[in-house]
């Protein structure tokens, strides 16, 4: 799918409007034909059903309490990813399990201290979804990941993460971009006392050392 730049005052609605095109059989068949993919009835039904269910789960998540909404968002996300995988490949992926398991023994004070261990590179859902966006690495080789690590990498909740867990820095950094006569300049503003922590985050950025 080519990148499409959209200027909007309501990005969520406009994004869903784009996605819901694939809840219609004619549009799915046209996409598969244009990309020389097999038009399987099972795959087409999977794509249509996945997008429709994903949309309903996301809408429902806004009308229920905090105990239920995360579960609905999870169902919505997995359905959306299944639809996208099937659409991009032209075949329904063979998924036998989630591809990860939680370990509650690592919890001390926060639920977010629960760890996740990835498994089943070939048939785990998380690996199938990662491959479709170009990430082919075997996550089973990366050990255990704490939920806090995931939360610290979501830029939209960076401020809440730092406040909730009393952290000076997460795993995201906000950049200021400046266009100059010599090109684009990226700036990071930070306190001197946390500069070492910032460098640790930057060192995790792929190819970062090549640009300094």
N, C-alpha and C. Protein backbone atom coordinates (compact mmCIF):
# COMPACT_ATOMS: atom_id res chain seq x y z
N UNK A 1 0.85 -1.19 0.00
CA UNK A 1 0.00 0.00 0.00
C UNK A 1 0.89 1.25 0.00
N UNK A 2 0.68 2.17 -0.93
CA UNK A 2 1.50 3.38 -0.95
C UNK A 2 1.14 4.29 0.22
N UNK A 3 2.12 5.09 0.65
CA UNK A 3 1.84 6.06 1.70
C UNK A 3 0.90 7.14 1.17
N UNK A 4 0.00 7.57 2.02
CA UNK A 4 -0.97 8.59 1.63
C UNK A 4 -1.00 9.67 2.69
N UNK A 5 -0.72 10.91 2.29
CA UNK A 5 -0.71 12.02 3.25
C UNK A 5 -2.11 12.61 3.34
N UNK A 6 -2.63 12.65 4.56
CA UNK A 6 -3.99 13.15 4.78
C UNK A 6 -3.96 14.28 5.81
N UNK A 7 -4.55 15.41 5.46
CA UNK A 7 -4.67 16.52 6.40
C UNK A 7 -6.10 16.49 6.95
N UNK A 8 -6.20 16.41 8.26
CA UNK A 8 -7.52 16.20 8.85
C UNK A 8 -7.61 16.78 10.25
N UNK A 9 -8.83 17.11 10.65
CA UNK A 9 -9.08 17.55 12.02
C UNK A 9 -9.55 16.40 12.89
N UNK A 10 -9.85 15.27 12.27
CA UNK A 10 -10.31 14.09 13.01
C UNK A 10 -9.63 12.86 12.43
N UNK A 11 -8.34 12.67 12.77
CA UNK A 11 -7.57 11.59 12.15
C UNK A 11 -8.13 10.19 12.39
N UNK A 12 -8.69 9.95 13.57
CA UNK A 12 -9.21 8.61 13.86
C UNK A 12 -10.37 8.25 12.95
N UNK A 13 -11.32 9.18 12.79
CA UNK A 13 -12.46 8.92 11.91
C UNK A 13 -12.03 8.73 10.46
N UNK A 14 -11.11 9.58 10.01
CA UNK A 14 -10.66 9.49 8.62
C UNK A 14 -9.87 8.21 8.37
N UNK A 15 -9.11 7.79 9.38
CA UNK A 15 -8.35 6.55 9.24
C UNK A 15 -9.29 5.35 9.12
N UNK A 16 -10.31 5.34 9.97
CA UNK A 16 -11.27 4.24 9.90
C UNK A 16 -12.05 4.27 8.59
N UNK A 17 -12.29 5.45 8.07
CA UNK A 17 -12.98 5.56 6.78
C UNK A 17 -12.15 4.90 5.68
N UNK A 18 -10.84 5.08 5.75
CA UNK A 18 -9.94 4.44 4.78
C UNK A 18 -9.95 2.92 4.97
N UNK A 19 -9.84 2.49 6.23
CA UNK A 19 -9.76 1.05 6.51
C UNK A 19 -11.04 0.32 6.15
N UNK A 20 -12.18 0.97 6.41
CA UNK A 20 -13.45 0.29 6.20
C UNK A 20 -13.80 0.10 4.73
N UNK A 21 -12.98 0.64 3.84
CA UNK A 21 -13.16 0.32 2.42
C UNK A 21 -13.03 -1.18 2.19
N UNK A 22 -12.22 -1.82 3.06
CA UNK A 22 -11.95 -3.25 2.90
C UNK A 22 -12.97 -4.12 3.64
N UNK A 23 -14.08 -3.51 4.02
CA UNK A 23 -15.19 -4.30 4.55
C UNK A 23 -16.20 -4.61 3.44
N UNK A 24 -15.86 -4.18 2.21
CA UNK A 24 -16.70 -4.45 1.04
C UNK A 24 -15.98 -5.41 0.10
N UNK A 25 -16.70 -6.44 -0.31
CA UNK A 25 -16.12 -7.51 -1.12
C UNK A 25 -15.49 -6.98 -2.41
N UNK A 26 -16.17 -6.08 -3.11
CA UNK A 26 -15.67 -5.57 -4.38
C UNK A 26 -14.32 -4.88 -4.21
N UNK A 27 -14.16 -4.13 -3.13
CA UNK A 27 -12.89 -3.43 -2.88
C UNK A 27 -11.77 -4.40 -2.56
N UNK A 28 -12.08 -5.44 -1.79
CA UNK A 28 -11.08 -6.45 -1.45
C UNK A 28 -10.64 -7.18 -2.71
N UNK A 29 -11.59 -7.59 -3.52
CA UNK A 29 -11.26 -8.31 -4.77
C UNK A 29 -10.42 -7.44 -5.68
N UNK A 30 -10.75 -6.15 -5.77
CA UNK A 30 -9.99 -5.23 -6.62
C UNK A 30 -8.55 -5.11 -6.13
N UNK A 31 -8.39 -4.99 -4.81
CA UNK A 31 -7.04 -4.88 -4.25
C UNK A 31 -6.22 -6.13 -4.55
N UNK A 32 -6.81 -7.30 -4.35
CA UNK A 32 -6.10 -8.56 -4.59
C UNK A 32 -5.72 -8.70 -6.06
N UNK A 33 -6.61 -8.28 -6.96
CA UNK A 33 -6.31 -8.34 -8.39
C UNK A 33 -5.17 -7.40 -8.76
N UNK A 34 -5.22 -6.18 -8.24
CA UNK A 34 -4.19 -5.18 -8.56
C UNK A 34 -2.82 -5.59 -8.06
N UNK A 35 -2.77 -6.42 -7.02
CA UNK A 35 -1.49 -6.85 -6.45
C UNK A 35 -1.17 -8.30 -6.79
N UNK A 36 -1.87 -8.82 -7.80
CA UNK A 36 -1.62 -10.19 -8.30
C UNK A 36 -1.67 -11.24 -7.19
N UNK A 37 -2.65 -11.11 -6.32
CA UNK A 37 -2.84 -12.06 -5.23
C UNK A 37 -4.05 -12.94 -5.52
N UNK A 38 -4.02 -14.15 -5.00
CA UNK A 38 -5.10 -15.11 -5.24
C UNK A 38 -6.39 -14.64 -4.56
N UNK A 39 -7.51 -14.74 -5.28
CA UNK A 39 -8.80 -14.35 -4.71
C UNK A 39 -9.49 -15.57 -4.11
N UNK A 40 -9.13 -15.88 -2.88
CA UNK A 40 -9.74 -17.00 -2.17
C UNK A 40 -10.96 -16.50 -1.40
N UNK A 41 -12.07 -17.24 -1.50
CA UNK A 41 -13.29 -16.85 -0.80
C UNK A 41 -13.07 -16.80 0.71
N UNK A 42 -12.31 -17.78 1.22
CA UNK A 42 -12.04 -17.82 2.66
C UNK A 42 -11.24 -16.61 3.11
N UNK A 43 -10.22 -16.24 2.31
CA UNK A 43 -9.40 -15.08 2.65
C UNK A 43 -10.21 -13.79 2.57
N UNK A 44 -11.03 -13.66 1.55
CA UNK A 44 -11.86 -12.46 1.39
C UNK A 44 -12.82 -12.31 2.57
N UNK A 45 -13.44 -13.40 2.97
CA UNK A 45 -14.36 -13.34 4.12
C UNK A 45 -13.62 -13.01 5.41
N UNK A 46 -12.39 -13.53 5.54
CA UNK A 46 -11.58 -13.22 6.72
C UNK A 46 -11.26 -11.74 6.78
N UNK A 47 -10.88 -11.16 5.65
CA UNK A 47 -10.54 -9.74 5.58
C UNK A 47 -11.75 -8.88 5.94
N UNK A 48 -12.87 -9.15 5.29
CA UNK A 48 -14.08 -8.36 5.54
C UNK A 48 -14.53 -8.48 7.00
N UNK A 49 -14.59 -9.70 7.50
CA UNK A 49 -15.02 -9.92 8.88
C UNK A 49 -14.09 -9.28 9.89
N UNK A 50 -12.79 -9.34 9.63
CA UNK A 50 -11.80 -8.79 10.55
C UNK A 50 -11.93 -7.27 10.67
N UNK A 51 -12.08 -6.59 9.53
CA UNK A 51 -12.21 -5.13 9.57
C UNK A 51 -13.52 -4.71 10.24
N UNK A 52 -14.61 -5.42 9.94
CA UNK A 52 -15.89 -5.09 10.55
C UNK A 52 -15.85 -5.28 12.07
N UNK A 53 -15.31 -6.42 12.51
CA UNK A 53 -15.25 -6.69 13.94
C UNK A 53 -14.30 -5.73 14.65
N UNK A 54 -13.17 -5.43 14.02
CA UNK A 54 -12.21 -4.51 14.63
C UNK A 54 -12.87 -3.16 14.88
N UNK A 55 -13.58 -2.65 13.89
CA UNK A 55 -14.24 -1.36 14.03
C UNK A 55 -15.26 -1.37 15.16
N UNK A 56 -16.03 -2.44 15.28
CA UNK A 56 -17.04 -2.54 16.34
C UNK A 56 -16.39 -2.62 17.72
N UNK A 57 -15.30 -3.39 17.83
CA UNK A 57 -14.61 -3.50 19.12
C UNK A 57 -14.04 -2.15 19.55
N UNK A 58 -13.43 -1.42 18.62
CA UNK A 58 -12.86 -0.12 18.97
C UNK A 58 -13.96 0.86 19.38
N UNK A 59 -15.07 0.85 18.68
CA UNK A 59 -16.19 1.73 19.04
C UNK A 59 -16.75 1.37 20.40
N UNK A 60 -16.90 0.07 20.65
CA UNK A 60 -17.46 -0.38 21.93
C UNK A 60 -16.54 -0.04 23.10
N UNK A 61 -15.23 -0.01 22.86
CA UNK A 61 -14.27 0.25 23.94
C UNK A 61 -14.43 1.65 24.53
N UNK A 62 -15.07 2.55 23.78
CA UNK A 62 -15.25 3.92 24.25
C UNK A 62 -16.48 4.09 25.14
N UNK A 63 -17.30 3.06 25.22
CA UNK A 63 -18.56 3.20 25.96
C UNK A 63 -18.63 2.33 27.21
N UNK A 64 -17.54 1.61 27.51
CA UNK A 64 -17.54 0.73 28.68
C UNK A 64 -16.53 1.24 29.71
N UNK A 65 -16.51 0.61 30.89
CA UNK A 65 -15.61 1.07 31.95
C UNK A 65 -14.18 0.58 31.71
N UNK A 66 -13.29 1.05 32.56
CA UNK A 66 -11.86 0.78 32.41
C UNK A 66 -11.52 -0.69 32.60
N UNK A 67 -12.39 -1.43 33.26
CA UNK A 67 -12.14 -2.86 33.46
C UNK A 67 -12.31 -3.65 32.16
N UNK A 68 -13.18 -3.18 31.30
CA UNK A 68 -13.52 -3.91 30.08
C UNK A 68 -12.83 -3.36 28.84
N UNK A 69 -12.62 -2.03 28.78
CA UNK A 69 -12.12 -1.41 27.55
C UNK A 69 -10.78 -1.97 27.06
N UNK A 70 -9.81 -2.29 27.95
CA UNK A 70 -8.55 -2.86 27.42
C UNK A 70 -8.76 -4.17 26.68
N UNK A 71 -9.69 -5.00 27.17
CA UNK A 71 -9.96 -6.27 26.51
C UNK A 71 -10.57 -6.04 25.12
N UNK A 72 -11.49 -5.08 25.02
CA UNK A 72 -12.09 -4.78 23.73
C UNK A 72 -11.06 -4.20 22.76
N UNK A 73 -10.15 -3.38 23.28
CA UNK A 73 -9.08 -2.83 22.43
C UNK A 73 -8.16 -3.94 21.93
N UNK A 74 -7.91 -4.92 22.80
CA UNK A 74 -7.09 -6.07 22.40
C UNK A 74 -7.77 -6.85 21.27
N UNK A 75 -9.06 -7.15 21.45
CA UNK A 75 -9.80 -7.87 20.41
C UNK A 75 -9.82 -7.06 19.11
N UNK A 76 -10.01 -5.74 19.25
CA UNK A 76 -10.04 -4.89 18.07
C UNK A 76 -8.70 -4.89 17.34
N UNK A 77 -7.62 -4.81 18.11
CA UNK A 77 -6.27 -4.78 17.52
C UNK A 77 -5.94 -6.09 16.81
N UNK A 78 -6.26 -7.22 17.46
CA UNK A 78 -5.93 -8.51 16.84
C UNK A 78 -6.75 -8.74 15.57
N UNK A 79 -8.01 -8.33 15.58
CA UNK A 79 -8.83 -8.45 14.37
C UNK A 79 -8.31 -7.56 13.25
N UNK A 80 -7.91 -6.35 13.61
CA UNK A 80 -7.39 -5.42 12.61
C UNK A 80 -6.10 -5.96 12.00
N UNK A 81 -5.22 -6.49 12.84
CA UNK A 81 -3.96 -7.04 12.34
C UNK A 81 -4.19 -8.28 11.49
N UNK A 82 -5.15 -9.12 11.88
CA UNK A 82 -5.47 -10.30 11.07
C UNK A 82 -5.96 -9.88 9.69
N UNK A 83 -6.82 -8.86 9.66
CA UNK A 83 -7.32 -8.37 8.38
C UNK A 83 -6.21 -7.81 7.51
N UNK A 84 -5.30 -7.04 8.12
CA UNK A 84 -4.20 -6.44 7.37
C UNK A 84 -3.24 -7.51 6.84
N UNK A 85 -2.93 -8.50 7.68
CA UNK A 85 -2.05 -9.59 7.25
C UNK A 85 -2.65 -10.33 6.07
N UNK A 86 -3.91 -10.67 6.18
CA UNK A 86 -4.59 -11.42 5.11
C UNK A 86 -4.65 -10.60 3.83
N UNK A 87 -4.88 -9.30 3.97
CA UNK A 87 -4.98 -8.42 2.81
C UNK A 87 -3.62 -8.28 2.11
N UNK A 88 -2.58 -8.06 2.89
CA UNK A 88 -1.24 -7.84 2.32
C UNK A 88 -0.69 -9.09 1.65
N UNK A 89 -0.95 -10.25 2.22
CA UNK A 89 -0.40 -11.51 1.70
C UNK A 89 -1.36 -12.23 0.75
N UNK A 90 -2.63 -11.88 0.81
CA UNK A 90 -3.59 -12.56 -0.03
C UNK A 90 -3.94 -13.95 0.46
N UNK A 91 -3.60 -14.23 1.70
CA UNK A 91 -3.91 -15.52 2.30
C UNK A 91 -4.02 -15.35 3.80
N UNK A 92 -4.92 -16.08 4.41
CA UNK A 92 -5.08 -16.00 5.86
C UNK A 92 -3.88 -16.66 6.53
N UNK A 93 -3.17 -15.94 7.42
CA UNK A 93 -1.99 -16.53 8.08
C UNK A 93 -2.39 -17.66 9.02
N UNK A 94 -1.51 -18.65 9.12
CA UNK A 94 -1.77 -19.77 10.03
C UNK A 94 -1.27 -19.40 11.42
N UNK A 95 -2.18 -19.06 12.30
CA UNK A 95 -1.85 -18.64 13.66
C UNK A 95 -2.41 -19.67 14.64
N UNK A 96 -1.53 -20.23 15.46
CA UNK A 96 -1.96 -21.27 16.39
C UNK A 96 -2.06 -20.78 17.84
N UNK A 97 -1.41 -19.64 18.14
CA UNK A 97 -1.42 -19.13 19.51
C UNK A 97 -1.02 -17.66 19.50
N UNK A 98 -1.01 -17.04 20.67
CA UNK A 98 -0.63 -15.63 20.76
C UNK A 98 0.82 -15.40 20.38
N UNK A 99 1.67 -16.38 20.70
CA UNK A 99 3.10 -16.21 20.45
C UNK A 99 3.81 -15.56 21.62
N UNK A 100 3.15 -15.49 22.77
CA UNK A 100 3.79 -14.93 23.96
C UNK A 100 3.04 -15.39 25.20
N UNK A 101 3.74 -15.35 26.32
CA UNK A 101 3.14 -15.76 27.60
C UNK A 101 3.57 -14.78 28.68
N UNK A 102 2.68 -14.51 29.64
CA UNK A 102 3.02 -13.59 30.73
C UNK A 102 3.55 -14.36 31.93
N UNK A 103 4.45 -13.71 32.65
CA UNK A 103 5.05 -14.28 33.87
C UNK A 103 4.70 -13.37 35.03
N UNK A 104 3.82 -13.80 35.91
CA UNK A 104 3.37 -12.95 37.02
C UNK A 104 4.34 -12.96 38.20
N UNK A 105 5.30 -13.86 38.20
CA UNK A 105 6.23 -13.97 39.33
C UNK A 105 7.17 -12.78 39.43
N UNK A 106 7.23 -11.94 38.40
CA UNK A 106 8.14 -10.79 38.43
C UNK A 106 7.48 -9.54 39.01
N UNK A 107 6.23 -9.65 39.47
CA UNK A 107 5.51 -8.49 40.00
C UNK A 107 5.91 -8.22 41.45
N UNK A 108 6.32 -6.99 41.75
CA UNK A 108 6.61 -6.55 43.11
C UNK A 108 5.55 -5.55 43.58
N UNK A 109 5.50 -4.40 42.87
CA UNK A 109 4.59 -3.33 43.29
C UNK A 109 3.52 -2.99 42.25
N UNK A 110 3.85 -3.17 40.98
CA UNK A 110 2.93 -2.77 39.91
C UNK A 110 2.58 -3.96 39.03
N UNK A 111 1.36 -3.95 38.50
CA UNK A 111 0.96 -4.97 37.53
C UNK A 111 1.88 -4.92 36.32
N UNK A 112 2.33 -3.72 35.98
CA UNK A 112 3.19 -3.54 34.80
C UNK A 112 4.56 -4.18 34.96
N UNK A 113 4.85 -4.71 36.15
CA UNK A 113 6.12 -5.42 36.34
C UNK A 113 6.03 -6.87 35.87
N UNK A 114 4.83 -7.28 35.45
CA UNK A 114 4.69 -8.61 34.85
C UNK A 114 5.55 -8.67 33.60
N UNK A 115 6.17 -9.80 33.37
CA UNK A 115 7.04 -9.97 32.21
C UNK A 115 6.35 -10.77 31.12
N UNK A 116 6.81 -10.56 29.91
CA UNK A 116 6.31 -11.29 28.75
C UNK A 116 7.46 -12.05 28.12
N UNK A 117 7.21 -13.30 27.79
CA UNK A 117 8.22 -14.09 27.07
C UNK A 117 7.60 -14.52 25.73
N UNK A 118 8.30 -14.22 24.66
CA UNK A 118 7.80 -14.57 23.33
C UNK A 118 8.12 -16.02 23.00
N UNK A 119 7.23 -16.66 22.23
CA UNK A 119 7.47 -18.04 21.82
C UNK A 119 6.84 -18.28 20.44
N UNK A 120 7.09 -19.44 19.89
CA UNK A 120 6.52 -19.89 18.61
C UNK A 120 6.73 -18.89 17.47
N UNK A 121 7.96 -18.85 16.98
CA UNK A 121 8.30 -17.93 15.89
C UNK A 121 7.49 -18.21 14.62
N UNK A 122 7.19 -19.47 14.36
CA UNK A 122 6.53 -19.85 13.10
C UNK A 122 5.02 -19.62 13.08
N UNK A 123 4.36 -19.88 14.21
CA UNK A 123 2.90 -19.82 14.21
C UNK A 123 2.30 -18.89 15.27
N UNK A 124 3.14 -18.18 16.03
CA UNK A 124 2.65 -17.24 17.03
C UNK A 124 2.11 -15.98 16.37
N UNK A 125 0.98 -15.49 16.87
CA UNK A 125 0.35 -14.32 16.28
C UNK A 125 1.25 -13.10 16.23
N UNK A 126 2.00 -12.85 17.32
CA UNK A 126 2.84 -11.66 17.37
C UNK A 126 3.91 -11.67 16.29
N UNK A 127 4.48 -12.85 16.00
CA UNK A 127 5.49 -12.95 14.95
C UNK A 127 4.87 -12.80 13.56
N UNK A 128 3.68 -13.35 13.38
CA UNK A 128 3.00 -13.22 12.09
C UNK A 128 2.72 -11.75 11.79
N UNK A 129 2.25 -11.02 12.81
CA UNK A 129 1.93 -9.61 12.62
C UNK A 129 3.20 -8.78 12.41
N UNK A 130 4.27 -9.14 13.12
CA UNK A 130 5.53 -8.40 12.98
C UNK A 130 6.10 -8.56 11.58
N UNK A 131 6.01 -9.77 11.05
CA UNK A 131 6.58 -10.03 9.72
C UNK A 131 5.88 -9.22 8.64
N UNK A 132 4.59 -9.00 8.80
CA UNK A 132 3.83 -8.28 7.78
C UNK A 132 4.27 -6.82 7.67
N UNK A 133 4.84 -6.27 8.74
CA UNK A 133 5.33 -4.88 8.69
C UNK A 133 6.85 -4.84 8.53
N UNK A 134 7.43 -5.99 8.17
CA UNK A 134 8.85 -6.01 7.82
C UNK A 134 9.80 -6.33 8.94
N UNK A 135 9.30 -6.76 10.10
CA UNK A 135 10.18 -7.11 11.23
C UNK A 135 10.27 -8.63 11.30
N UNK A 136 11.40 -9.17 10.84
CA UNK A 136 11.55 -10.63 10.73
C UNK A 136 12.36 -11.26 11.86
N UNK A 137 12.84 -10.45 12.80
CA UNK A 137 13.70 -11.00 13.85
C UNK A 137 12.92 -11.94 14.76
N UNK A 138 13.62 -12.93 15.29
CA UNK A 138 13.01 -13.92 16.17
C UNK A 138 12.97 -13.38 17.60
N UNK A 139 11.79 -12.97 18.04
CA UNK A 139 11.65 -12.36 19.36
C UNK A 139 11.89 -13.35 20.50
N UNK A 140 11.84 -14.64 20.20
CA UNK A 140 12.07 -15.64 21.26
C UNK A 140 13.50 -15.58 21.77
N UNK A 141 14.39 -14.95 21.02
CA UNK A 141 15.80 -14.87 21.41
C UNK A 141 16.12 -13.64 22.26
N UNK A 142 15.09 -12.84 22.57
CA UNK A 142 15.31 -11.58 23.28
C UNK A 142 14.94 -11.65 24.75
N UNK A 143 14.73 -12.85 25.29
CA UNK A 143 14.47 -12.99 26.72
C UNK A 143 13.12 -12.45 27.14
N UNK A 144 13.05 -12.02 28.40
CA UNK A 144 11.80 -11.53 28.98
C UNK A 144 11.72 -10.00 28.88
N UNK A 145 10.54 -9.50 28.60
CA UNK A 145 10.30 -8.06 28.52
C UNK A 145 9.25 -7.69 29.55
N UNK A 146 9.55 -6.70 30.38
CA UNK A 146 8.55 -6.21 31.34
C UNK A 146 7.53 -5.32 30.62
N UNK A 147 6.30 -5.36 31.11
CA UNK A 147 5.26 -4.53 30.52
C UNK A 147 5.63 -3.05 30.61
N UNK A 148 6.38 -2.68 31.66
CA UNK A 148 6.81 -1.28 31.78
C UNK A 148 7.68 -0.87 30.60
N UNK A 149 8.45 -1.82 30.06
CA UNK A 149 9.29 -1.50 28.90
C UNK A 149 8.44 -1.15 27.70
N UNK A 150 7.33 -1.87 27.52
CA UNK A 150 6.42 -1.55 26.42
C UNK A 150 5.80 -0.18 26.63
N UNK A 151 5.32 0.07 27.86
CA UNK A 151 4.67 1.34 28.16
C UNK A 151 5.62 2.51 27.98
N UNK A 152 6.89 2.31 28.34
CA UNK A 152 7.86 3.40 28.26
C UNK A 152 8.22 3.74 26.81
N UNK A 153 7.79 2.91 25.86
CA UNK A 153 8.13 3.13 24.46
C UNK A 153 6.96 3.72 23.66
N UNK A 154 5.88 4.08 24.36
CA UNK A 154 4.71 4.68 23.69
C UNK A 154 4.76 6.19 23.91
N UNK A 155 5.11 6.93 22.87
CA UNK A 155 5.37 8.35 23.02
C UNK A 155 4.12 9.12 23.48
N UNK A 156 2.92 8.65 23.09
CA UNK A 156 1.70 9.37 23.45
C UNK A 156 1.44 9.38 24.95
N UNK A 157 1.98 8.42 25.69
CA UNK A 157 1.74 8.38 27.14
C UNK A 157 3.04 8.62 27.92
N UNK A 158 4.02 9.23 27.26
CA UNK A 158 5.33 9.44 27.88
C UNK A 158 5.21 10.21 29.20
N UNK A 159 4.44 11.29 29.20
CA UNK A 159 4.30 12.11 30.42
C UNK A 159 3.62 11.32 31.54
N UNK A 160 2.58 10.56 31.19
CA UNK A 160 1.87 9.76 32.19
C UNK A 160 2.76 8.66 32.74
N UNK A 161 3.57 8.06 31.86
CA UNK A 161 4.48 7.00 32.29
C UNK A 161 5.46 7.52 33.34
N UNK A 162 6.08 8.67 33.07
CA UNK A 162 7.06 9.24 33.99
C UNK A 162 6.41 9.61 35.33
N UNK A 163 5.20 10.15 35.26
CA UNK A 163 4.51 10.56 36.49
C UNK A 163 4.08 9.35 37.30
N UNK A 164 3.52 8.34 36.65
CA UNK A 164 3.00 7.16 37.34
C UNK A 164 4.11 6.36 38.01
N UNK A 165 5.22 6.18 37.29
CA UNK A 165 6.29 5.32 37.80
C UNK A 165 7.49 6.10 38.34
N UNK A 166 7.31 7.44 38.44
CA UNK A 166 8.34 8.32 39.02
C UNK A 166 9.69 8.11 38.32
N UNK A 167 9.65 8.17 37.00
CA UNK A 167 10.86 8.01 36.19
C UNK A 167 11.25 9.36 35.59
N UNK A 168 12.55 9.59 35.47
CA UNK A 168 13.03 10.81 34.83
C UNK A 168 12.90 10.72 33.31
N UNK A 169 13.02 9.48 32.79
CA UNK A 169 13.02 9.30 31.34
C UNK A 169 12.46 7.93 30.99
N UNK A 170 11.75 7.86 29.88
CA UNK A 170 11.25 6.58 29.39
C UNK A 170 12.15 6.07 28.27
N UNK A 171 11.56 5.41 27.29
CA UNK A 171 12.32 4.94 26.14
C UNK A 171 11.96 5.69 24.87
N UNK A 172 11.41 6.89 25.04
CA UNK A 172 11.14 7.75 23.89
C UNK A 172 11.74 9.13 24.17
N UNK A 173 12.09 9.83 23.11
CA UNK A 173 12.63 11.18 23.23
C UNK A 173 11.89 12.07 22.24
N UNK A 174 11.49 13.25 22.70
CA UNK A 174 10.80 14.19 21.84
C UNK A 174 11.81 15.10 21.16
N UNK A 175 11.68 15.24 19.85
CA UNK A 175 12.60 16.06 19.07
C UNK A 175 11.92 17.35 18.64
N UNK A 176 12.70 18.43 18.61
CA UNK A 176 12.28 19.65 17.94
C UNK A 176 12.98 19.69 16.59
N UNK A 177 12.23 19.93 15.53
CA UNK A 177 12.80 19.94 14.18
C UNK A 177 12.87 21.37 13.67
N UNK A 178 14.02 21.73 13.09
CA UNK A 178 14.22 23.07 12.55
C UNK A 178 14.74 22.96 11.12
N UNK A 179 14.09 23.67 10.21
CA UNK A 179 14.60 23.77 8.84
C UNK A 179 15.56 24.94 8.76
N UNK A 180 16.78 24.67 8.34
CA UNK A 180 17.79 25.72 8.21
C UNK A 180 18.31 25.73 6.78
N UNK A 181 19.14 26.70 6.49
CA UNK A 181 19.71 26.82 5.14
C UNK A 181 20.62 25.64 4.80
N UNK A 182 21.11 24.96 5.84
CA UNK A 182 22.00 23.82 5.60
C UNK A 182 21.29 22.47 5.73
N UNK A 183 19.99 22.52 6.01
CA UNK A 183 19.24 21.27 6.13
C UNK A 183 18.44 21.20 7.42
N UNK A 184 17.91 20.03 7.70
CA UNK A 184 17.06 19.81 8.87
C UNK A 184 17.91 19.55 10.11
N UNK A 185 17.59 20.25 11.21
CA UNK A 185 18.29 20.06 12.48
C UNK A 185 17.32 19.48 13.50
N UNK A 186 17.77 18.46 14.21
CA UNK A 186 16.96 17.84 15.25
C UNK A 186 17.57 18.17 16.61
N UNK A 187 16.75 18.66 17.53
CA UNK A 187 17.26 19.04 18.85
C UNK A 187 16.50 18.30 19.95
N UNK A 188 17.25 17.94 20.98
CA UNK A 188 16.66 17.33 22.17
C UNK A 188 17.00 18.22 23.35
N UNK A 189 15.99 18.61 24.12
CA UNK A 189 16.22 19.43 25.30
C UNK A 189 16.12 18.54 26.54
N UNK A 190 17.14 18.60 27.38
CA UNK A 190 17.13 17.73 28.57
C UNK A 190 18.02 18.32 29.66
N UNK A 191 17.77 17.88 30.89
CA UNK A 191 18.61 18.29 32.01
C UNK A 191 19.95 17.57 31.95
N UNK A 192 20.99 18.26 32.38
CA UNK A 192 22.33 17.66 32.35
C UNK A 192 22.41 16.40 33.18
N UNK A 193 21.70 16.38 34.31
CA UNK A 193 21.82 15.25 35.23
C UNK A 193 21.23 13.95 34.68
N UNK A 194 20.42 14.04 33.63
CA UNK A 194 19.87 12.80 33.06
C UNK A 194 20.44 12.52 31.66
N UNK A 195 21.50 13.23 31.30
CA UNK A 195 22.08 13.06 29.97
C UNK A 195 22.57 11.64 29.73
N UNK A 196 23.13 11.01 30.76
CA UNK A 196 23.62 9.64 30.59
C UNK A 196 22.46 8.69 30.25
N UNK A 197 21.33 8.89 30.91
CA UNK A 197 20.15 8.07 30.63
C UNK A 197 19.66 8.29 29.20
N UNK A 198 19.72 9.55 28.75
CA UNK A 198 19.30 9.86 27.39
C UNK A 198 20.20 9.19 26.37
N UNK A 199 21.50 9.21 26.62
CA UNK A 199 22.44 8.56 25.70
C UNK A 199 22.20 7.05 25.65
N UNK A 200 21.81 6.48 26.78
CA UNK A 200 21.50 5.04 26.79
C UNK A 200 20.31 4.73 25.89
N UNK A 201 19.31 5.63 25.90
CA UNK A 201 18.16 5.45 25.02
C UNK A 201 18.58 5.60 23.56
N UNK A 202 19.38 6.63 23.27
CA UNK A 202 19.81 6.88 21.90
C UNK A 202 20.66 5.74 21.35
N UNK A 203 21.44 5.11 22.22
CA UNK A 203 22.28 4.00 21.77
C UNK A 203 21.46 2.78 21.34
N UNK A 204 20.18 2.75 21.75
CA UNK A 204 19.30 1.66 21.32
C UNK A 204 18.67 1.92 19.96
N UNK A 205 18.87 3.14 19.44
CA UNK A 205 18.31 3.50 18.13
C UNK A 205 19.20 2.94 17.04
N UNK A 206 18.62 2.16 16.15
CA UNK A 206 19.39 1.51 15.09
C UNK A 206 20.09 2.56 14.22
N UNK A 207 21.38 2.36 14.01
CA UNK A 207 22.21 3.22 13.15
C UNK A 207 22.41 4.62 13.72
N UNK A 208 22.08 4.84 15.00
CA UNK A 208 22.23 6.19 15.57
C UNK A 208 23.69 6.64 15.54
N UNK A 209 24.61 5.72 15.85
CA UNK A 209 26.03 6.09 15.92
C UNK A 209 26.58 6.55 14.57
N UNK A 210 25.92 6.16 13.48
CA UNK A 210 26.40 6.54 12.16
C UNK A 210 26.18 8.01 11.85
N UNK A 211 25.29 8.65 12.63
CA UNK A 211 24.95 10.04 12.30
C UNK A 211 25.55 11.03 13.31
N UNK A 212 26.38 10.53 14.25
CA UNK A 212 26.99 11.46 15.21
C UNK A 212 28.50 11.49 15.03
